[in-house]
Amino acid sequence: MIGLFFLALIAIDESVPNEPFCYPGKYEREIITFDPENSPIFEKIYDELRKKLSFAQSEEEILLNTIDFVQWVVFDLTLCTNPQVVKMIAEDGRKEIPLDAFLERKQGVCRHIALCVTLLLHRLIEEEVLHGTVYLIRENLSWGRHAWTLFLSEERAWHLDAYQGVLEDGKSRAGFSRLCQKYGKDVMQRQSTRWKDDN
């Protein structure tokens, strides 16, 4: 029955579907599912974030507050190491694990944290707190596979990486340079085609 449920899910590519979906990974243990209509824990997290954002004025402040919230409230970064998450997945035993299971334990690695940030920004866009488009970025970097979030607004190309505490505007020369140092020039040149095409 679970296998049939999984096969019916849309695989998240880059943008967030408005129905149950899965985030497939290279390995079976990386498969994460999420049902936006049936996640009380995500709703609670989103409501807490909205309260935190009540004083945020600018787009940049909203994004900074979102990163801070995900890093220090939603997840416990002391529990967010690969060995700890692999152990949690093994103990859980399911092949496809709902994002809620990671949120309940405040545990995850880059893919769980990036997915959470992407979903939160998606909701903020739906409620017109932010204006733009959000994407889940998955790349093979020189040091391994990594996931983070891209938020494209009219003026900016914000890269949000709550796992590493990064918020940079890829459209600014300084921001693009710092992103190249962090993720690699080839990766960022490839990503920059997205926001050039978006305009």
C-alpha atoms as a PDB file:
ATOM      1  CA  MET A   1       0.000   0.000   0.000  1.00  0.00           C
ATOM      2  CA  ILE A   2       2.796   2.432   0.867  1.00  0.00           C
ATOM      3  CA  GLY A   3       4.530   1.599  -2.437  1.00  0.00           C
ATOM      4  CA  LEU A   4       1.370   2.499  -4.376  1.00  0.00           C
ATOM      5  CA  PHE A   5       1.094   5.757  -2.447  1.00  0.00           C
ATOM      6  CA  PHE A   6       4.702   6.582  -3.270  1.00  0.00           C
ATOM      7  CA  LEU A   7       4.229   5.841  -6.989  1.00  0.00           C
ATOM      8  CA  ALA A   8       1.288   8.245  -7.073  1.00  0.00           C
ATOM      9  CA  LEU A   9       3.381  11.119  -5.738  1.00  0.00           C
ATOM     10  CA  ILE A  10       4.809  13.822  -7.958  1.00  0.00           C
ATOM     11  CA  ALA A  11       8.597  13.989  -7.783  1.00  0.00           C
ATOM     12  CA  ILE A  12       9.639  17.508  -6.797  1.00  0.00           C
ATOM     13  CA  ASP A  13      11.975  18.803  -9.457  1.00  0.00           C
ATOM     14  CA  GLU A  14      12.732  22.424  -8.725  1.00  0.00           C
ATOM     15  CA  SER A  15       9.465  24.134  -7.889  1.00  0.00           C
ATOM     16  CA  VAL A  16       6.929  23.041  -5.289  1.00  0.00           C
ATOM     17  CA  PRO A  17       3.716  21.251  -6.381  1.00  0.00           C
ATOM     18  CA  ASN A  18       0.497  22.005  -4.513  1.00  0.00           C
ATOM     19  CA  GLU A  19      -0.211  18.348  -3.804  1.00  0.00           C
ATOM     20  CA  PRO A  20       1.563  15.434  -2.113  1.00  0.00           C
ATOM     21  CA  PHE A  21       5.021  14.919  -3.563  1.00  0.00           C
ATOM     22  CA  CYS A  22       8.312  13.174  -2.965  1.00  0.00           C
ATOM     23  CA  TYR A  23      11.871  14.405  -3.042  1.00  0.00           C
ATOM     24  CA  PRO A  24      13.806  11.559  -4.645  1.00  0.00           C
ATOM     25  CA  GLY A  25      17.483  11.198  -3.947  1.00  0.00           C
ATOM     26  CA  LYS A  26      20.400   9.255  -5.318  1.00  0.00           C
ATOM     27  CA  TYR A  27      19.836   6.549  -2.712  1.00  0.00           C
ATOM     28  CA  GLU A  28      16.604   5.019  -1.459  1.00  0.00           C
ATOM     29  CA  ARG A  29      17.194   6.376   2.058  1.00  0.00           C
ATOM     30  CA  GLU A  30      17.067   9.921   0.674  1.00  0.00           C
ATOM     31  CA  ILE A  31      13.417   9.767  -0.430  1.00  0.00           C
ATOM     32  CA  ILE A  32      11.358  12.344   1.487  1.00  0.00           C
ATOM     33  CA  THR A  33       7.589  12.706   1.135  1.00  0.00           C
ATOM     34  CA  PHE A  34       5.415  15.697   1.966  1.00  0.00           C
ATOM     35  CA  ASP A  35       1.680  16.308   1.863  1.00  0.00           C
ATOM     36  CA  PRO A  36       0.959  20.049   2.072  1.00  0.00           C
ATOM     37  CA  GLU A  37      -2.674  19.350   2.991  1.00  0.00           C
ATOM     38  CA  ASN A  38      -1.865  16.977   5.857  1.00  0.00           C
ATOM     39  CA  SER A  39       1.048  18.214   7.922  1.00  0.00           C
ATOM     40  CA  PRO A  40       0.039  19.703  11.280  1.00  0.00           C
ATOM     41  CA  ILE A  41       3.677  20.065  12.334  1.00  0.00           C
ATOM     42  CA  PHE A  42       4.509  22.097   9.228  1.00  0.00           C
ATOM     43  CA  GLU A  43       1.424  24.273   9.811  1.00  0.00           C
ATOM     44  CA  LYS A  44       2.586  24.950  13.370  1.00  0.00           C
ATOM     45  CA  ILE A  45       6.089  25.810  12.145  1.00  0.00           C
ATOM     46  CA  TYR A  46       4.678  28.127   9.476  1.00  0.00           C
ATOM     47  CA  ASP A  47       2.438  29.904  12.000  1.00  0.00           C
ATOM     48  CA  GLU A  48       5.441  30.435  14.296  1.00  0.00           C
ATOM     49  CA  LEU A  49       7.448  31.848  11.412  1.00  0.00           C
ATOM     50  CA  ARG A  50       4.644  34.267  10.475  1.00  0.00           C
ATOM     51  CA  LYS A  51       4.655  35.614  14.051  1.00  0.00           C
ATOM     52  CA  LYS A  52       8.412  36.043  13.887  1.00  0.00           C
ATOM     53  CA  LEU A  53       8.087  37.899  10.575  1.00  0.00           C
ATOM     54  CA  SER A  54       5.504  40.367  11.868  1.00  0.00           C
ATOM     55  CA  PHE A  55       8.284  42.945  12.376  1.00  0.00           C
ATOM     56  CA  ALA A  56      10.287  42.163   9.233  1.00  0.00           C
ATOM     57  CA  GLN A  57      10.060  44.943   6.685  1.00  0.00           C
ATOM     58  CA  SER A  58      12.221  44.188   3.679  1.00  0.00           C
ATOM     59  CA  GLU A  59      12.571  41.119   1.492  1.00  0.00           C
ATOM     60  CA  GLU A  60      16.092  40.600   2.833  1.00  0.00           C
ATOM     61  CA  GLU A  61      14.877  40.809   6.463  1.00  0.00           C
ATOM     62  CA  ILE A  62      12.170  38.219   5.756  1.00  0.00           C
ATOM     63  CA  LEU A  63      14.732  35.847   4.227  1.00  0.00           C
ATOM     64  CA  LEU A  64      17.268  36.394   7.035  1.00  0.00           C
ATOM     65  CA  ASN A  65      14.580  35.747   9.637  1.00  0.00           C
ATOM     66  CA  THR A  66      13.488  32.599   7.802  1.00  0.00           C
ATOM     67  CA  ILE A  67      17.044  31.217   7.737  1.00  0.00           C
ATOM     68  CA  ASP A  68      17.530  32.055  11.414  1.00  0.00           C
ATOM     69  CA  PHE A  69      14.199  30.443  12.327  1.00  0.00           C
ATOM     70  CA  VAL A  70      14.937  27.226  10.412  1.00  0.00           C
ATOM     71  CA  GLN A  71      18.478  26.966  11.809  1.00  0.00           C
ATOM     72  CA  TRP A  72      17.691  27.584  15.460  1.00  0.00           C
ATOM     73  CA  VAL A  73      14.001  26.759  15.984  1.00  0.00           C
ATOM     74  CA  VAL A  74      12.905  24.187  13.395  1.00  0.00           C
ATOM     75  CA  PHE A  75      16.112  22.128  13.447  1.00  0.00           C
ATOM     76  CA  ASP A  76      18.683  21.436  16.141  1.00  0.00           C
ATOM     77  CA  LEU A  77      21.947  21.767  14.237  1.00  0.00           C
ATOM     78  CA  THR A  78      23.750  19.641  16.842  1.00  0.00           C
ATOM     79  CA  LEU A  79      21.563  16.734  15.632  1.00  0.00           C
ATOM     80  CA  CYS A  80      22.002  17.555  11.948  1.00  0.00           C
ATOM     81  CA  THR A  81      25.040  15.500  11.046  1.00  0.00           C
ATOM     82  CA  ASN A  82      25.106  12.810   8.397  1.00  0.00           C
ATOM     83  CA  PRO A  83      25.872   9.934  10.832  1.00  0.00           C
ATOM     84  CA  GLN A  84      23.030  10.966  13.165  1.00  0.00           C
ATOM     85  CA  VAL A  85      20.524  11.292  10.305  1.00  0.00           C
ATOM     86  CA  VAL A  86      21.596   7.971   8.741  1.00  0.00           C
ATOM     87  CA  LYS A  87      21.062   6.341  12.150  1.00  0.00           C
ATOM     88  CA  MET A  88      17.632   7.964  12.487  1.00  0.00           C
ATOM     89  CA  ILE A  89      16.619   6.755   9.015  1.00  0.00           C
ATOM     90  CA  ALA A  90      17.819   3.216   9.793  1.00  0.00           C
ATOM     91  CA  GLU A  91      15.891   3.175  13.081  1.00  0.00           C
ATOM     92  CA  ASP A  92      12.760   4.524  11.371  1.00  0.00           C
ATOM     93  CA  GLY A  93      12.838   1.665   8.871  1.00  0.00           C
ATOM     94  CA  ARG A  94      10.590   3.191   6.203  1.00  0.00           C
ATOM     95  CA  LYS A  95      11.840   3.527   2.633  1.00  0.00           C
ATOM     96  CA  GLU A  96      10.007   6.796   2.089  1.00  0.00           C
ATOM     97  CA  ILE A  97      10.034   8.995   5.185  1.00  0.00           C
ATOM     98  CA  PRO A  98       7.727  12.017   5.525  1.00  0.00           C
ATOM     99  CA  LEU A  99       9.415  15.357   6.106  1.00  0.00           C
ATOM    100  CA  ASP A 100       7.285  15.532   9.259  1.00  0.00           C
ATOM    101  CA  ALA A 101       9.385  12.767  10.859  1.00  0.00           C
ATOM    102  CA  PHE A 102      12.492  14.926  10.497  1.00  0.00           C
ATOM    103  CA  LEU A 103      10.684  18.053  11.680  1.00  0.00           C
ATOM    104  CA  GLU A 104       9.390  16.232  14.790  1.00  0.00           C
ATOM    105  CA  ARG A 105      12.944  15.181  15.704  1.00  0.00           C
ATOM    106  CA  LYS A 106      14.489  18.521  14.623  1.00  0.00           C
ATOM    107  CA  GLN A 107      16.925  16.414  12.621  1.00  0.00           C
ATOM    108  CA  GLY A 108      18.034  16.549   9.028  1.00  0.00           C
ATOM    109  CA  VAL A 109      20.852  17.346   6.680  1.00  0.00           C
ATOM    110  CA  CYS A 110      20.991  19.783   3.783  1.00  0.00           C
ATOM    111  CA  ARG A 111      18.183  18.177   1.763  1.00  0.00           C
ATOM    112  CA  HIS A 112      15.707  18.236   4.676  1.00  0.00           C
ATOM    113  CA  ILE A 113      16.618  21.781   5.688  1.00  0.00           C
ATOM    114  CA  ALA A 114      16.548  23.074   2.093  1.00  0.00           C
ATOM    115  CA  LEU A 115      13.176  21.426   1.493  1.00  0.00           C
ATOM    116  CA  CYS A 116      11.789  23.038   4.659  1.00  0.00           C
ATOM    117  CA  VAL A 117      13.070  26.504   3.634  1.00  0.00           C
ATOM    118  CA  THR A 118      11.684  26.048   0.111  1.00  0.00           C
ATOM    119  CA  LEU A 119       8.256  25.052   1.465  1.00  0.00           C
ATOM    120  CA  LEU A 120       8.166  27.989   3.885  1.00  0.00           C
ATOM    121  CA  LEU A 121       9.057  30.477   1.141  1.00  0.00           C
ATOM    122  CA  HIS A 122       6.477  28.852  -1.142  1.00  0.00           C
ATOM    123  CA  ARG A 123       3.787  29.524   1.480  1.00  0.00           C
ATOM    124  CA  LEU A 124       5.001  33.098   1.988  1.00  0.00           C
ATOM    125  CA  ILE A 125       4.684  33.630  -1.772  1.00  0.00           C
ATOM    126  CA  GLU A 126       1.186  32.079  -1.814  1.00  0.00           C
ATOM    127  CA  GLU A 127       0.139  34.484   0.945  1.00  0.00           C
ATOM    128  CA  GLU A 128       1.816  37.416  -0.852  1.00  0.00           C
ATOM    129  CA  VAL A 129       4.254  38.129   1.963  1.00  0.00           C
ATOM    130  CA  LEU A 130       6.975  37.642  -0.665  1.00  0.00           C
ATOM    131  CA  HIS A 131       6.757  38.160  -4.418  1.00  0.00           C
ATOM    132  CA  GLY A 132       8.770  35.900  -6.657  1.00  0.00           C
ATOM    133  CA  THR A 133       9.498  32.266  -7.431  1.00  0.00           C
ATOM    134  CA  VAL A 134      11.198  29.663  -5.256  1.00  0.00           C
ATOM    135  CA  TYR A 135      13.290  26.700  -6.395  1.00  0.00           C
ATOM    136  CA  LEU A 136      14.937  23.776  -4.652  1.00  0.00           C
ATOM    137  CA  ILE A 137      18.534  23.553  -5.876  1.00  0.00           C
ATOM    138  CA  ARG A 138      20.339  20.199  -5.896  1.00  0.00           C
ATOM    139  CA  GLU A 139      23.913  20.123  -7.139  1.00  0.00           C
ATOM    140  CA  ASN A 140      26.974  17.908  -7.165  1.00  0.00           C
ATOM    141  CA  LEU A 141      29.710  20.079  -5.701  1.00  0.00           C
ATOM    142  CA  SER A 142      33.419  19.375  -5.464  1.00  0.00           C
ATOM    143  CA  TRP A 143      32.881  18.201  -1.863  1.00  0.00           C
ATOM    144  CA  GLY A 144      29.679  16.195  -2.461  1.00  0.00           C
ATOM    145  CA  ARG A 145      25.964  16.487  -3.154  1.00  0.00           C
ATOM    146  CA  HIS A 146      24.251  19.514  -1.651  1.00  0.00           C
ATOM    147  CA  ALA A 147      20.827  21.172  -1.592  1.00  0.00           C
ATOM    148  CA  TRP A 148      19.760  24.751  -0.926  1.00  0.00           C
ATOM    149  CA  THR A 149      17.035  27.208  -1.966  1.00  0.00           C
ATOM    150  CA  LEU A 150      16.874  29.890  -4.654  1.00  0.00           C
ATOM    151  CA  PHE A 151      14.357  32.708  -4.322  1.00  0.00           C
ATOM    152  CA  LEU A 152      14.004  34.849  -7.447  1.00  0.00           C
ATOM    153  CA  SER A 153      12.350  38.212  -6.966  1.00  0.00           C
ATOM    154  CA  GLU A 154      12.118  41.033  -9.466  1.00  0.00           C
ATOM    155  CA  GLU A 155      15.465  42.524  -8.461  1.00  0.00           C
ATOM    156  CA  ARG A 156      17.370  39.721  -6.733  1.00  0.00           C
ATOM    157  CA  ALA A 157      18.458  36.088  -6.992  1.00  0.00           C
ATOM    158  CA  TRP A 158      18.686  35.083  -3.343  1.00  0.00           C
ATOM    159  CA  HIS A 159      20.481  31.842  -2.479  1.00  0.00           C
ATOM    160  CA  LEU A 160      19.412  30.604   0.965  1.00  0.00           C
ATOM    161  CA  ASP A 161      21.345  27.815   2.626  1.00  0.00           C
ATOM    162  CA  ALA A 162      20.110  27.479   6.203  1.00  0.00           C
ATOM    163  CA  TYR A 163      22.296  24.395   6.710  1.00  0.00           C
ATOM    164  CA  GLN A 164      25.392  26.584   6.304  1.00  0.00           C
ATOM    165  CA  GLY A 165      23.931  29.991   7.206  1.00  0.00           C
ATOM    166  CA  VAL A 166      24.217  31.507   3.721  1.00  0.00           C
ATOM    167  CA  LEU A 167      22.108  34.309   2.248  1.00  0.00           C
ATOM    168  CA  GLU A 168      23.594  35.877  -0.876  1.00  0.00           C
ATOM    169  CA  ASP A 169      22.212  37.735  -3.868  1.00  0.00           C
ATOM    170  CA  GLY A 170      23.633  36.075  -6.961  1.00  0.00           C
ATOM    171  CA  LYS A 171      22.761  39.116  -9.070  1.00  0.00           C
ATOM    172  CA  SER A 172      25.225  41.316  -7.189  1.00  0.00           C
ATOM    173  CA  ARG A 173      28.875  41.063  -8.153  1.00  0.00           C
ATOM    174  CA  ALA A 174      30.039  40.563  -4.543  1.00  0.00           C
ATOM    175  CA  GLY A 175      27.285  38.026  -3.823  1.00  0.00           C
ATOM    176  CA  PHE A 176      27.999  36.053  -6.982  1.00  0.00           C
ATOM    177  CA  SER A 177      31.717  35.983  -6.117  1.00  0.00           C
ATOM    178  CA  ARG A 178      31.017  34.670  -2.596  1.00  0.00           C
ATOM    179  CA  LEU A 179      28.622  32.038  -3.999  1.00  0.00           C
ATOM    180  CA  CYS A 180      31.325  30.934  -6.465  1.00  0.00           C
ATOM    181  CA  GLN A 181      33.754  30.523  -3.575  1.00  0.00           C
ATOM    182  CA  LYS A 182      31.173  28.523  -1.628  1.00  0.00           C
ATOM    183  CA  TYR A 183      29.689  26.281  -4.331  1.00  0.00           C
ATOM    184  CA  GLY A 184      32.091  26.553  -7.274  1.00  0.00           C
ATOM    185  CA  LYS A 185      32.180  28.798 -10.320  1.00  0.00           C
ATOM    186  CA  ASP A 186      30.778  26.159 -12.708  1.00  0.00           C
ATOM    187  CA  VAL A 187      27.788  25.546 -10.426  1.00  0.00           C
ATOM    188  CA  MET A 188      27.023  29.242 -10.084  1.00  0.00           C
ATOM    189  CA  GLN A 189      27.403  29.925 -13.795  1.00  0.00           C
ATOM    190  CA  ARG A 190      24.930  27.112 -14.419  1.00  0.00           C
ATOM    191  CA  GLN A 191      22.545  28.524 -11.792  1.00  0.00           C
ATOM    192  CA  SER A 192      22.853  32.058 -13.167  1.00  0.00           C
ATOM    193  CA  THR A 193      21.217  30.945 -16.417  1.00  0.00           C
ATOM    194  CA  ARG A 194      18.057  30.353 -14.357  1.00  0.00           C
ATOM    195  CA  TRP A 195      17.715  33.961 -13.248  1.00  0.00           C
ATOM    196  CA  LYS A 196      18.826  35.339 -16.617  1.00  0.00           C
ATOM    197  CA  ASP A 197      16.141  33.218 -18.296  1.00  0.00           C
ATOM    198  CA  ASP A 198      13.600  34.270 -15.662  1.00  0.00           C
ATOM    199  CA  ASN A 199      13.843  37.966 -16.599  1.00  0.00           C
END
